[in-house]
Amino acid sequence: MDQADACVVMVTAPNKEEAERLAIATLEARHAACVQIQAITSHYWWDGKITSEGEQLLLFKTVPEKFAALRDLIVSLHSYDTPEIIQLPVTAGADKYLGWLRQEVAAK
């Protein structure tokens, strides 16, 4: 499988309920094959000051050609004014896993 055939998209959400809603909506749309959710603490600049908040980090496993649709769906459902949505390329992986990923986002 070509190295560029997969990517991970990082998104943060304010709470578990919203994170799960985002995960299910994107899976049902077949924009991702898998979504992992983990509780984190984020420290960042916002409105001119350093802020610390508990958040949920979502890792969407998908393919580059699904990114725009995934991003647009997340933006439409997300409660943040400026949601973090970052696409990271997968440079290598297990062939069987990457094949499964591609199969799941292609299914309808």
PDB file of N, CA and C in Angstrom:
ATOM      1  N   MET A   1       0.845  -1.181   0.000  1.00  0.00           N
ATOM      2  CA  MET A   1       0.000   0.000   0.000  1.00  0.00           C
ATOM      3  C   MET A   1       0.885   1.238   0.000  1.00  0.00           C
ATOM      4  N   ASP A   2       0.504   2.235  -0.769  1.00  0.00           N
ATOM      5  CA  ASP A   2       1.243   3.488  -0.843  1.00  0.00           C
ATOM      6  C   ASP A   2       1.244   4.189   0.507  1.00  0.00           C
ATOM      7  N   GLN A   3       2.370   4.773   0.872  1.00  0.00           N
ATOM      8  CA  GLN A   3       2.487   5.453   2.158  1.00  0.00           C
ATOM      9  C   GLN A   3       1.484   6.584   2.311  1.00  0.00           C
ATOM     10  N   ALA A   4       1.108   7.247   1.238  1.00  0.00           N
ATOM     11  CA  ALA A   4       0.202   8.389   1.309  1.00  0.00           C
ATOM     12  C   ALA A   4      -1.265   7.965   1.354  1.00  0.00           C
ATOM     13  N   ASP A   5      -1.532   6.691   1.492  1.00  0.00           N
ATOM     14  CA  ASP A   5      -2.901   6.202   1.476  1.00  0.00           C
ATOM     15  C   ASP A   5      -3.599   6.290   2.824  1.00  0.00           C
ATOM     16  N   ALA A   6      -2.972   6.857   3.835  1.00  0.00           N
ATOM     17  CA  ALA A   6      -3.606   6.969   5.153  1.00  0.00           C
ATOM     18  C   ALA A   6      -3.132   8.239   5.841  1.00  0.00           C
ATOM     19  N   CYS A   7      -3.966   8.716   6.763  1.00  0.00           N
ATOM     20  CA  CYS A   7      -3.591   9.861   7.580  1.00  0.00           C
ATOM     21  C   CYS A   7      -4.327   9.772   8.910  1.00  0.00           C
ATOM     22  N   VAL A   8      -3.842  10.532   9.870  1.00  0.00           N
ATOM     23  CA  VAL A   8      -4.478  10.664  11.171  1.00  0.00           C
ATOM     24  C   VAL A   8      -4.901  12.120  11.295  1.00  0.00           C
ATOM     25  N   VAL A   9      -6.119  12.347  11.742  1.00  0.00           N
ATOM     26  CA  VAL A   9      -6.615  13.701  11.942  1.00  0.00           C
ATOM     27  C   VAL A   9      -6.845  13.892  13.437  1.00  0.00           C
ATOM     28  N   MET A  10      -6.183  14.911  14.001  1.00  0.00           N
ATOM     29  CA  MET A  10      -6.310  15.222  15.425  1.00  0.00           C
ATOM     30  C   MET A  10      -7.360  16.308  15.604  1.00  0.00           C
ATOM     31  N   VAL A  11      -8.260  16.079  16.567  1.00  0.00           N
ATOM     32  CA  VAL A  11      -9.313  17.040  16.888  1.00  0.00           C
ATOM     33  C   VAL A  11      -9.480  17.033  18.407  1.00  0.00           C
ATOM     34  N   THR A  12      -9.702  18.196  19.002  1.00  0.00           N
ATOM     35  CA  THR A  12     -10.028  18.236  20.425  1.00  0.00           C
ATOM     36  C   THR A  12     -11.480  18.653  20.582  1.00  0.00           C
ATOM     37  N   ALA A  13     -12.094  18.169  21.659  1.00  0.00           N
ATOM     38  CA  ALA A  13     -13.481  18.490  21.993  1.00  0.00           C
ATOM     39  C   ALA A  13     -13.543  18.822  23.484  1.00  0.00           C
ATOM     40  N   PRO A  14     -14.543  19.590  23.900  1.00  0.00           N
ATOM     41  CA  PRO A  14     -14.591  20.043  25.283  1.00  0.00           C
ATOM     42  C   PRO A  14     -14.979  18.980  26.296  1.00  0.00           C
ATOM     43  N   ASN A  15     -15.671  17.931  25.849  1.00  0.00           N
ATOM     44  CA  ASN A  15     -16.130  16.911  26.792  1.00  0.00           C
ATOM     45  C   ASN A  15     -16.360  15.586  26.076  1.00  0.00           C
ATOM     46  N   LYS A  16     -16.553  14.549  26.865  1.00  0.00           N
ATOM     47  CA  LYS A  16     -16.689  13.193  26.312  1.00  0.00           C
ATOM     48  C   LYS A  16     -17.930  13.046  25.442  1.00  0.00           C
ATOM     49  N   GLU A  17     -19.028  13.681  25.840  1.00  0.00           N
ATOM     50  CA  GLU A  17     -20.269  13.561  25.081  1.00  0.00           C
ATOM     51  C   GLU A  17     -20.097  14.109  23.662  1.00  0.00           C
ATOM     52  N   GLU A  18     -19.486  15.293  23.566  1.00  0.00           N
ATOM     53  CA  GLU A  18     -19.276  15.863  22.232  1.00  0.00           C
ATOM     54  C   GLU A  18     -18.286  15.029  21.435  1.00  0.00           C
ATOM     55  N   ALA A  19     -17.234  14.562  22.081  1.00  0.00           N
ATOM     56  CA  ALA A  19     -16.249  13.721  21.395  1.00  0.00           C
ATOM     57  C   ALA A  19     -16.906  12.470  20.832  1.00  0.00           C
ATOM     58  N   GLU A  20     -17.745  11.830  21.611  1.00  0.00           N
ATOM     59  CA  GLU A  20     -18.419  10.620  21.134  1.00  0.00           C
ATOM     60  C   GLU A  20     -19.394  10.934  20.010  1.00  0.00           C
ATOM     61  N   ARG A  21     -20.079  12.075  20.094  1.00  0.00           N
ATOM     62  CA  ARG A  21     -21.001  12.474  19.025  1.00  0.00           C
ATOM     63  C   ARG A  21     -20.229  12.703  17.722  1.00  0.00           C
ATOM     64  N   LEU A  22     -19.066  13.368  17.810  1.00  0.00           N
ATOM     65  CA  LEU A  22     -18.240  13.582  16.626  1.00  0.00           C
ATOM     66  C   LEU A  22     -17.737  12.255  16.055  1.00  0.00           C
ATOM     67  N   ALA A  23     -17.303  11.367  16.930  1.00  0.00           N
ATOM     68  CA  ALA A  23     -16.788  10.069  16.487  1.00  0.00           C
ATOM     69  C   ALA A  23     -17.857   9.274  15.746  1.00  0.00           C
ATOM     70  N   ILE A  24     -19.033   9.165  16.339  1.00  0.00           N
ATOM     71  CA  ILE A  24     -20.105   8.368  15.724  1.00  0.00           C
ATOM     72  C   ILE A  24     -20.550   8.972  14.398  1.00  0.00           C
ATOM     73  N   ALA A  25     -20.712  10.288  14.346  1.00  0.00           N
ATOM     74  CA  ALA A  25     -21.162  10.939  13.111  1.00  0.00           C
ATOM     75  C   ALA A  25     -20.172  10.716  11.974  1.00  0.00           C
ATOM     76  N   THR A  26     -18.888  10.808  12.262  1.00  0.00           N
ATOM     77  CA  THR A  26     -17.887  10.647  11.205  1.00  0.00           C
ATOM     78  C   THR A  26     -17.740   9.182  10.792  1.00  0.00           C
ATOM     79  N   LEU A  27     -17.907   8.275  11.737  1.00  0.00           N
ATOM     80  CA  LEU A  27     -17.876   6.851  11.385  1.00  0.00           C
ATOM     81  C   LEU A  27     -19.091   6.489  10.534  1.00  0.00           C
ATOM     82  N   GLU A  28     -20.275   6.962  10.925  1.00  0.00           N
ATOM     83  CA  GLU A  28     -21.482   6.659  10.150  1.00  0.00           C
ATOM     84  C   GLU A  28     -21.387   7.204   8.730  1.00  0.00           C
ATOM     85  N   ALA A  29     -20.711   8.329   8.559  1.00  0.00           N
ATOM     86  CA  ALA A  29     -20.530   8.918   7.229  1.00  0.00           C
ATOM     87  C   ALA A  29     -19.400   8.235   6.446  1.00  0.00           C
ATOM     88  N   ARG A  30     -18.689   7.311   7.080  1.00  0.00           N
ATOM     89  CA  ARG A  30     -17.543   6.608   6.484  1.00  0.00           C
ATOM     90  C   ARG A  30     -16.401   7.553   6.133  1.00  0.00           C
ATOM     91  N   HIS A  31     -16.285   8.642   6.901  1.00  0.00           N
ATOM     92  CA  HIS A  31     -15.162   9.553   6.715  1.00  0.00           C
ATOM     93  C   HIS A  31     -13.937   9.086   7.501  1.00  0.00           C
ATOM     94  N   ALA A  32     -14.115   8.125   8.399  1.00  0.00           N
ATOM     95  CA  ALA A  32     -13.020   7.542   9.175  1.00  0.00           C
ATOM     96  C   ALA A  32     -13.314   6.058   9.375  1.00  0.00           C
ATOM     97  N   ALA A  33     -12.255   5.286   9.538  1.00  0.00           N
ATOM     98  CA  ALA A  33     -12.399   3.856   9.805  1.00  0.00           C
ATOM     99  C   ALA A  33     -12.369   3.575  11.301  1.00  0.00           C
ATOM    100  N   CYS A  34     -11.736   4.479  12.064  1.00  0.00           N
ATOM    101  CA  CYS A  34     -11.553   4.295  13.495  1.00  0.00           C
ATOM    102  C   CYS A  34     -11.371   5.662  14.130  1.00  0.00           C
ATOM    103  N   VAL A  35     -11.909   5.834  15.326  1.00  0.00           N
ATOM    104  CA  VAL A  35     -11.695   7.065  16.084  1.00  0.00           C
ATOM    105  C   VAL A  35     -11.343   6.669  17.505  1.00  0.00           C
ATOM    106  N   GLN A  36     -10.231   7.164  17.991  1.00  0.00           N
ATOM    107  CA  GLN A  36      -9.835   6.943  19.382  1.00  0.00           C
ATOM    108  C   GLN A  36     -10.047   8.228  20.156  1.00  0.00           C
ATOM    109  N   ILE A  37     -10.514   8.103  21.399  1.00  0.00           N
ATOM    110  CA  ILE A  37     -10.781   9.261  22.248  1.00  0.00           C
ATOM    111  C   ILE A  37     -10.006   9.096  23.548  1.00  0.00           C
ATOM    112  N   GLN A  38      -9.306  10.156  23.943  1.00  0.00           N
ATOM    113  CA  GLN A  38      -8.517  10.115  25.166  1.00  0.00           C
ATOM    114  C   GLN A  38      -8.649  11.442  25.900  1.00  0.00           C
ATOM    115  N   ALA A  39      -8.804  11.394  27.222  1.00  0.00           N
ATOM    116  CA  ALA A  39      -8.855  12.605  28.047  1.00  0.00           C
ATOM    117  C   ALA A  39      -7.456  13.206  28.141  1.00  0.00           C
ATOM    118  N   ILE A  40      -7.366  14.529  27.955  1.00  0.00           N
ATOM    119  CA  ILE A  40      -6.086  15.235  28.009  1.00  0.00           C
ATOM    120  C   ILE A  40      -6.274  16.560  28.744  1.00  0.00           C
ATOM    121  N   THR A  41      -5.171  17.214  29.052  1.00  0.00           N
ATOM    122  CA  THR A  41      -5.187  18.603  29.515  1.00  0.00           C
ATOM    123  C   THR A  41      -4.432  19.422  28.488  1.00  0.00           C
ATOM    124  N   SER A  42      -5.078  20.463  27.970  1.00  0.00           N
ATOM    125  CA  SER A  42      -4.458  21.334  26.977  1.00  0.00           C
ATOM    126  C   SER A  42      -4.064  22.658  27.621  1.00  0.00           C
ATOM    127  N   HIS A  43      -2.888  23.135  27.288  1.00  0.00           N
ATOM    128  CA  HIS A  43      -2.392  24.438  27.728  1.00  0.00           C
ATOM    129  C   HIS A  43      -2.138  25.239  26.452  1.00  0.00           C
ATOM    130  N   TYR A  44      -2.738  26.415  26.327  1.00  0.00           N
ATOM    131  CA  TYR A  44      -2.657  27.152  25.077  1.00  0.00           C
ATOM    132  C   TYR A  44      -2.947  28.638  25.285  1.00  0.00           C
ATOM    133  N   TRP A  45      -2.551  29.424  24.283  1.00  0.00           N
ATOM    134  CA  TRP A  45      -2.866  30.851  24.281  1.00  0.00           C
ATOM    135  C   TRP A  45      -4.276  31.032  23.753  1.00  0.00           C
ATOM    136  N   TRP A  46      -5.101  31.840  24.441  1.00  0.00           N
ATOM    137  CA  TRP A  46      -6.431  32.190  23.962  1.00  0.00           C
ATOM    138  C   TRP A  46      -6.803  33.566  24.500  1.00  0.00           C
ATOM    139  N   ASP A  47      -7.202  34.448  23.624  1.00  0.00           N
ATOM    140  CA  ASP A  47      -7.575  35.813  23.994  1.00  0.00           C
ATOM    141  C   ASP A  47      -6.476  36.510  24.797  1.00  0.00           C
ATOM    142  N   GLY A  48      -5.218  36.295  24.385  1.00  0.00           N
ATOM    143  CA  GLY A  48      -4.107  36.999  24.995  1.00  0.00           C
ATOM    144  C   GLY A  48      -3.604  36.467  26.313  1.00  0.00           C
ATOM    145  N   LYS A  49      -4.090  35.309  26.731  1.00  0.00           N
ATOM    146  CA  LYS A  49      -3.593  34.744  27.985  1.00  0.00           C
ATOM    147  C   LYS A  49      -3.458  33.225  27.871  1.00  0.00           C
ATOM    148  N   ILE A  50      -2.628  32.664  28.738  1.00  0.00           N
ATOM    149  CA  ILE A  50      -2.444  31.213  28.766  1.00  0.00           C
ATOM    150  C   ILE A  50      -3.628  30.595  29.497  1.00  0.00           C
ATOM    151  N   THR A  51      -4.199  29.581  28.884  1.00  0.00           N
ATOM    152  CA  THR A  51      -5.375  28.890  29.403  1.00  0.00           C
ATOM    153  C   THR A  51      -5.049  27.406  29.545  1.00  0.00           C
ATOM    154  N   SER A  52      -5.623  26.764  30.538  1.00  0.00           N
ATOM    155  CA  SER A  52      -5.500  25.313  30.716  1.00  0.00           C
ATOM    156  C   SER A  52      -6.901  24.738  30.869  1.00  0.00           C
ATOM    157  N   GLU A  53      -7.191  23.716  30.091  1.00  0.00           N
ATOM    158  CA  GLU A  53      -8.519  23.107  30.105  1.00  0.00           C
ATOM    159  C   GLU A  53      -8.408  21.599  29.920  1.00  0.00           C
ATOM    160  N   GLY A  54      -9.306  20.875  30.555  1.00  0.00           N
ATOM    161  CA  GLY A  54      -9.462  19.466  30.254  1.00  0.00           C
ATOM    162  C   GLY A  54     -10.207  19.346  28.931  1.00  0.00           C
ATOM    163  N   GLU A  55      -9.742  18.472  28.073  1.00  0.00           N
ATOM    164  CA  GLU A  55     -10.385  18.246  26.776  1.00  0.00           C
ATOM    165  C   GLU A  55     -10.331  16.765  26.444  1.00  0.00           C
ATOM    166  N   GLN A  56     -10.971  16.423  25.363  1.00  0.00           N
ATOM    167  CA  GLN A  56     -10.918  15.081  24.810  1.00  0.00           C
ATOM    168  C   GLN A  56     -10.179  15.175  23.476  1.00  0.00           C
ATOM    169  N   LEU A  57      -9.172  14.338  23.279  1.00  0.00           N
ATOM    170  CA  LEU A  57      -8.431  14.283  22.027  1.00  0.00           C
ATOM    171  C   LEU A  57      -8.990  13.138  21.194  1.00  0.00           C
ATOM    172  N   LEU A  58      -9.407  13.456  19.992  1.00  0.00           N
ATOM    173  CA  LEU A  58      -9.892  12.445  19.058  1.00  0.00           C
ATOM    174  C   LEU A  58      -8.836  12.230  17.987  1.00  0.00           C
ATOM    175  N   LEU A  59      -8.537  10.983  17.695  1.00  0.00           N
ATOM    176  CA  LEU A  59      -7.626  10.610  16.617  1.00  0.00           C
ATOM    177  C   LEU A  59      -8.439   9.839  15.582  1.00  0.00           C
ATOM    178  N   PHE A  60      -8.673  10.473  14.434  1.00  0.00           N
ATOM    179  CA  PHE A  60      -9.435   9.870  13.348  1.00  0.00           C
ATOM    180  C   PHE A  60      -8.463   9.189  12.399  1.00  0.00           C
ATOM    181  N   LYS A  61      -8.671   7.917  12.107  1.00  0.00           N
ATOM    182  CA  LYS A  61      -7.843   7.181  11.144  1.00  0.00           C
ATOM    183  C   LYS A  61      -8.614   7.181   9.829  1.00  0.00           C
ATOM    184  N   THR A  62      -8.013   7.761   8.792  1.00  0.00           N
ATOM    185  CA  THR A  62      -8.717   7.923   7.532  1.00  0.00           C
ATOM    186  C   THR A  62      -7.735   7.962   6.373  1.00  0.00           C
ATOM    187  N   VAL A  63      -8.195   8.437   5.227  1.00  0.00           N
ATOM    188  CA  VAL A  63      -7.371   8.575   4.028  1.00  0.00           C
ATOM    189  C   VAL A  63      -7.421  10.039   3.587  1.00  0.00           C
ATOM    190  N   PRO A  64      -6.365  10.518   2.921  1.00  0.00           N
ATOM    191  CA  PRO A  64      -6.307  11.932   2.566  1.00  0.00           C
ATOM    192  C   PRO A  64      -7.511  12.433   1.764  1.00  0.00           C
ATOM    193  N   GLU A  65      -8.044  11.616   0.871  1.00  0.00           N
ATOM    194  CA  GLU A  65      -9.158  12.087   0.047  1.00  0.00           C
ATOM    195  C   GLU A  65     -10.450  12.278   0.843  1.00  0.00           C
ATOM    196  N   LYS A  66     -10.516  11.779   2.066  1.00  0.00           N
ATOM    197  CA  LYS A  66     -11.686  11.976   2.934  1.00  0.00           C
ATOM    198  C   LYS A  66     -11.524  13.188   3.853  1.00  0.00           C
ATOM    199  N   PHE A  67     -10.335  13.808   3.863  1.00  0.00           N
ATOM    200  CA  PHE A  67     -10.080  14.874   4.833  1.00  0.00           C
ATOM    201  C   PHE A  67     -11.061  16.036   4.727  1.00  0.00           C
ATOM    202  N   ALA A  68     -11.302  16.549   3.539  1.00  0.00           N
ATOM    203  CA  ALA A  68     -12.166  17.729   3.391  1.00  0.00           C
ATOM    204  C   ALA A  68     -13.575  17.442   3.914  1.00  0.00           C
ATOM    205  N   ALA A  69     -14.129  16.300   3.572  1.00  0.00           N
ATOM    206  CA  ALA A  69     -15.474  15.947   4.044  1.00  0.00           C
ATOM    207  C   ALA A  69     -15.477  15.742   5.560  1.00  0.00           C
ATOM    208  N   LEU A  70     -14.432  15.103   6.087  1.00  0.00           N
ATOM    209  CA  LEU A  70     -14.305  14.902   7.529  1.00  0.00           C
ATOM    210  C   LEU A  70     -14.226  16.246   8.240  1.00  0.00           C
ATOM    211  N   ARG A  71     -13.357  17.120   7.762  1.00  0.00           N
ATOM    212  CA  ARG A  71     -13.201  18.456   8.341  1.00  0.00           C
ATOM    213  C   ARG A  71     -14.522  19.222   8.327  1.00  0.00           C
ATOM    214  N   ASP A  72     -15.212  19.211   7.195  1.00  0.00           N
ATOM    215  CA  ASP A  72     -16.453  19.966   7.071  1.00  0.00           C
ATOM    216  C   ASP A  72     -17.533  19.434   8.010  1.00  0.00           C
ATOM    217  N   LEU A  73     -17.621  18.120   8.168  1.00  0.00           N
ATOM    218  CA  LEU A  73     -18.598  17.539   9.084  1.00  0.00           C
ATOM    219  C   LEU A  73     -18.264  17.905  10.527  1.00  0.00           C
ATOM    220  N   ILE A  74     -16.991  17.804  10.899  1.00  0.00           N
ATOM    221  CA  ILE A  74     -16.583  18.169  12.257  1.00  0.00           C
ATOM    222  C   ILE A  74     -16.907  19.636  12.535  1.00  0.00           C
ATOM    223  N   VAL A  75     -16.558  20.525  11.612  1.00  0.00           N
ATOM    224  CA  VAL A  75     -16.836  21.954  11.798  1.00  0.00           C
ATOM    225  C   VAL A  75     -18.342  22.189  11.976  1.00  0.00           C
ATOM    226  N   SER A  76     -19.171  21.481  11.219  1.00  0.00           N
ATOM    227  CA  SER A  76     -20.623  21.685  11.300  1.00  0.00           C
ATOM    228  C   SER A  76     -21.213  21.220  12.626  1.00  0.00           C
ATOM    229  N   LEU A  77     -20.546  20.286  13.295  1.00  0.00           N
ATOM    230  CA  LEU A  77     -21.064  19.717  14.545  1.00  0.00           C
ATOM    231  C   LEU A  77     -20.362  20.220  15.801  1.00  0.00           C
ATOM    232  N   HIS A  78     -19.206  20.838  15.644  1.00  0.00           N
ATOM    233  CA  HIS A  78     -18.347  21.183  16.776  1.00  0.00           C
ATOM    234  C   HIS A  78     -18.838  22.437  17.493  1.00  0.00           C
ATOM    235  N   SER A  79     -18.717  22.450  18.824  1.00  0.00           N
ATOM    236  CA  SER A  79     -19.160  23.606  19.601  1.00  0.00           C
ATOM    237  C   SER A  79     -18.109  24.714  19.684  1.00  0.00           C
ATOM    238  N   TYR A  80     -16.849  24.403  19.375  1.00  0.00           N
ATOM    239  CA  TYR A  80     -15.804  25.423  19.435  1.00  0.00           C
ATOM    240  C   TYR A  80     -15.910  26.377  18.244  1.00  0.00           C
ATOM    241  N   ASP A  81     -15.608  27.650  18.490  1.00  0.00           N
ATOM    242  CA  ASP A  81     -15.534  28.646  17.426  1.00  0.00           C
ATOM    243  C   ASP A  81     -14.355  28.355  16.497  1.00  0.00           C
ATOM    244  N   THR A  82     -13.253  27.860  17.078  1.00  0.00           N
ATOM    245  CA  THR A  82     -12.035  27.563  16.325  1.00  0.00           C
ATOM    246  C   THR A  82     -11.560  26.157  16.691  1.00  0.00           C
ATOM    247  N   PRO A  83     -12.222  25.108  16.166  1.00  0.00           N
ATOM    248  CA  PRO A  83     -11.801  23.756  16.548  1.00  0.00           C
ATOM    249  C   PRO A  83     -10.437  23.386  15.954  1.00  0.00           C
ATOM    250  N   GLU A  84      -9.683  22.653  16.750  1.00  0.00           N
ATOM    251  CA  GLU A  84      -8.411  22.100  16.259  1.00  0.00           C
ATOM    252  C   GLU A  84      -8.735  20.948  15.321  1.00  0.00           C
ATOM    253  N   ILE A  85      -8.284  21.049  14.093  1.00  0.00           N
ATOM    254  CA  ILE A  85      -8.430  19.968  13.117  1.00  0.00           C
ATOM    255  C   ILE A  85      -7.118  19.930  12.344  1.00  0.00           C
ATOM    256  N   ILE A  86      -6.303  18.924  12.620  1.00  0.00           N
ATOM    257  CA  ILE A  86      -4.966  18.841  12.033  1.00  0.00           C
ATOM    258  C   ILE A  86      -4.790  17.475  11.379  1.00  0.00           C
ATOM    259  N   GLN A  87      -4.415  17.483  10.111  1.00  0.00           N
ATOM    260  CA  GLN A  87      -4.160  16.250   9.379  1.00  0.00           C
ATOM    261  C   GLN A  87      -2.674  15.919   9.439  1.00  0.00           C
ATOM    262  N   LEU A  88      -2.339  14.695   9.834  1.00  0.00           N
ATOM    263  CA  LEU A  88      -0.961  14.206   9.889  1.00  0.00           C
ATOM    264  C   LEU A  88      -0.820  13.028   8.928  1.00  0.00           C
ATOM    265  N   PRO A  89       0.199  13.019   8.087  1.00  0.00           N
ATOM    266  CA  PRO A  89       0.370  11.893   7.173  1.00  0.00           C
ATOM    267  C   PRO A  89       0.859  10.649   7.903  1.00  0.00           C
ATOM    268  N   VAL A  90       0.431   9.517   7.420  1.00  0.00           N
ATOM    269  CA  VAL A  90       0.979   8.237   7.891  1.00  0.00           C
ATOM    270  C   VAL A  90       2.079   7.876   6.906  1.00  0.00           C
ATOM    271  N   THR A  91       3.294   7.758   7.397  1.00  0.00           N
ATOM    272  CA  THR A  91       4.416   7.480   6.508  1.00  0.00           C
ATOM    273  C   THR A  91       4.707   5.992   6.362  1.00  0.00           C
ATOM    274  N   ALA A  92       4.199   5.192   7.294  1.00  0.00           N
ATOM    275  CA  ALA A  92       4.366   3.742   7.214  1.00  0.00           C
ATOM    276  C   ALA A  92       3.380   3.099   8.163  1.00  0.00           C
ATOM    277  N   GLY A  93       3.091   1.841   7.940  1.00  0.00           N
ATOM    278  CA  GLY A  93       2.176   1.109   8.813  1.00  0.00           C
ATOM    279  C   GLY A  93       2.078  -0.340   8.383  1.00  0.00           C
ATOM    280  N   ALA A  94       1.352  -1.111   9.159  1.00  0.00           N
ATOM    281  CA  ALA A  94       1.131  -2.520   8.832  1.00  0.00           C
ATOM    282  C   ALA A  94       0.207  -2.610   7.624  1.00  0.00           C
ATOM    283  N   ASP A  95       0.635  -3.335   6.612  1.00  0.00           N
ATOM    284  CA  ASP A  95      -0.142  -3.445   5.373  1.00  0.00           C
ATOM    285  C   ASP A  95      -1.570  -3.908   5.628  1.00  0.00           C
ATOM    286  N   LYS A  96      -1.744  -4.889   6.491  1.00  0.00           N
ATOM    287  CA  LYS A  96      -3.090  -5.428   6.747  1.00  0.00           C
ATOM    288  C   LYS A  96      -3.979  -4.358   7.382  1.00  0.00           C
ATOM    289  N   TYR A  97      -3.438  -3.597   8.347  1.00  0.00           N
ATOM    290  CA  TYR A  97      -4.211  -2.537   8.996  1.00  0.00           C
ATOM    291  C   TYR A  97      -4.574  -1.441   7.996  1.00  0.00           C
ATOM    292  N   LEU A  98      -3.590  -0.991   7.212  1.00  0.00           N
ATOM    293  CA  LEU A  98      -3.845   0.060   6.240  1.00  0.00           C
ATOM    294  C   LEU A  98      -4.846  -0.387   5.180  1.00  0.00           C
ATOM    295  N   GLY A  99      -4.803  -1.667   4.807  1.00  0.00           N
ATOM    296  CA  GLY A  99      -5.798  -2.212   3.879  1.00  0.00           C
ATOM    297  C   GLY A  99      -7.189  -2.193   4.478  1.00  0.00           C
ATOM    298  N   TRP A 100      -7.293  -2.577   5.755  1.00  0.00           N
ATOM    299  CA  TRP A 100      -8.583  -2.533   6.452  1.00  0.00           C
ATOM    300  C   TRP A 100      -9.110  -1.102   6.511  1.00  0.00           C
ATOM    301  N   LEU A 101      -8.248  -0.148   6.847  1.00  0.00           N
ATOM    302  CA  LEU A 101      -8.637   1.257   6.938  1.00  0.00           C
ATOM    303  C   LEU A 101      -9.237   1.727   5.622  1.00  0.00           C
ATOM    304  N   ARG A 102      -8.526   1.495   4.531  1.00  0.00           N
ATOM    305  CA  ARG A 102      -8.990   1.927   3.210  1.00  0.00           C
ATOM    306  C   ARG A 102     -10.317   1.253   2.856  1.00  0.00           C
ATOM    307  N   GLN A 103     -10.463  -0.006   3.167  1.00  0.00           N
ATOM    308  CA  GLN A 103     -11.708  -0.738   2.870  1.00  0.00           C
ATOM    309  C   GLN A 103     -12.885  -0.134   3.627  1.00  0.00           C
ATOM    310  N   GLU A 104     -12.687   0.233   4.887  1.00  0.00           N
ATOM    311  CA  GLU A 104     -13.782   0.749   5.707  1.00  0.00           C
ATOM    312  C   GLU A 104     -14.244   2.132   5.295  1.00  0.00           C
ATOM    313  N   VAL A 105     -13.328   3.004   4.881  1.00  0.00           N
ATOM    314  CA  VAL A 105     -13.759   4.335   4.453  1.00  0.00           C
ATOM    315  C   VAL A 105     -14.340   4.320   3.045  1.00  0.00           C
ATOM    316  N   ALA A 106     -14.088   3.242   2.296  1.00  0.00           N
ATOM    317  CA  ALA A 106     -14.646   3.114   0.955  1.00  0.00           C
ATOM    318  C   ALA A 106     -16.040   2.487   0.973  1.00  0.00           C
ATOM    319  N   ALA A 107     -16.371   1.763   2.026  1.00  0.00           N
ATOM    320  CA  ALA A 107     -17.657   1.044   2.102  1.00  0.00           C
ATOM    321  C   ALA A 107     -18.817   2.026   2.244  1.00  0.00           C
ATOM    322  N   LYS A 108     -19.924   1.676   1.704  1.00  0.00           N
ATOM    323  CA  LYS A 108     -21.168   2.469   1.877  1.00  0.00           C
ATOM    324  C   LYS A 108     -22.339   1.544   2.010  1.00  0.00           C
TER     325      LYS A 108
END
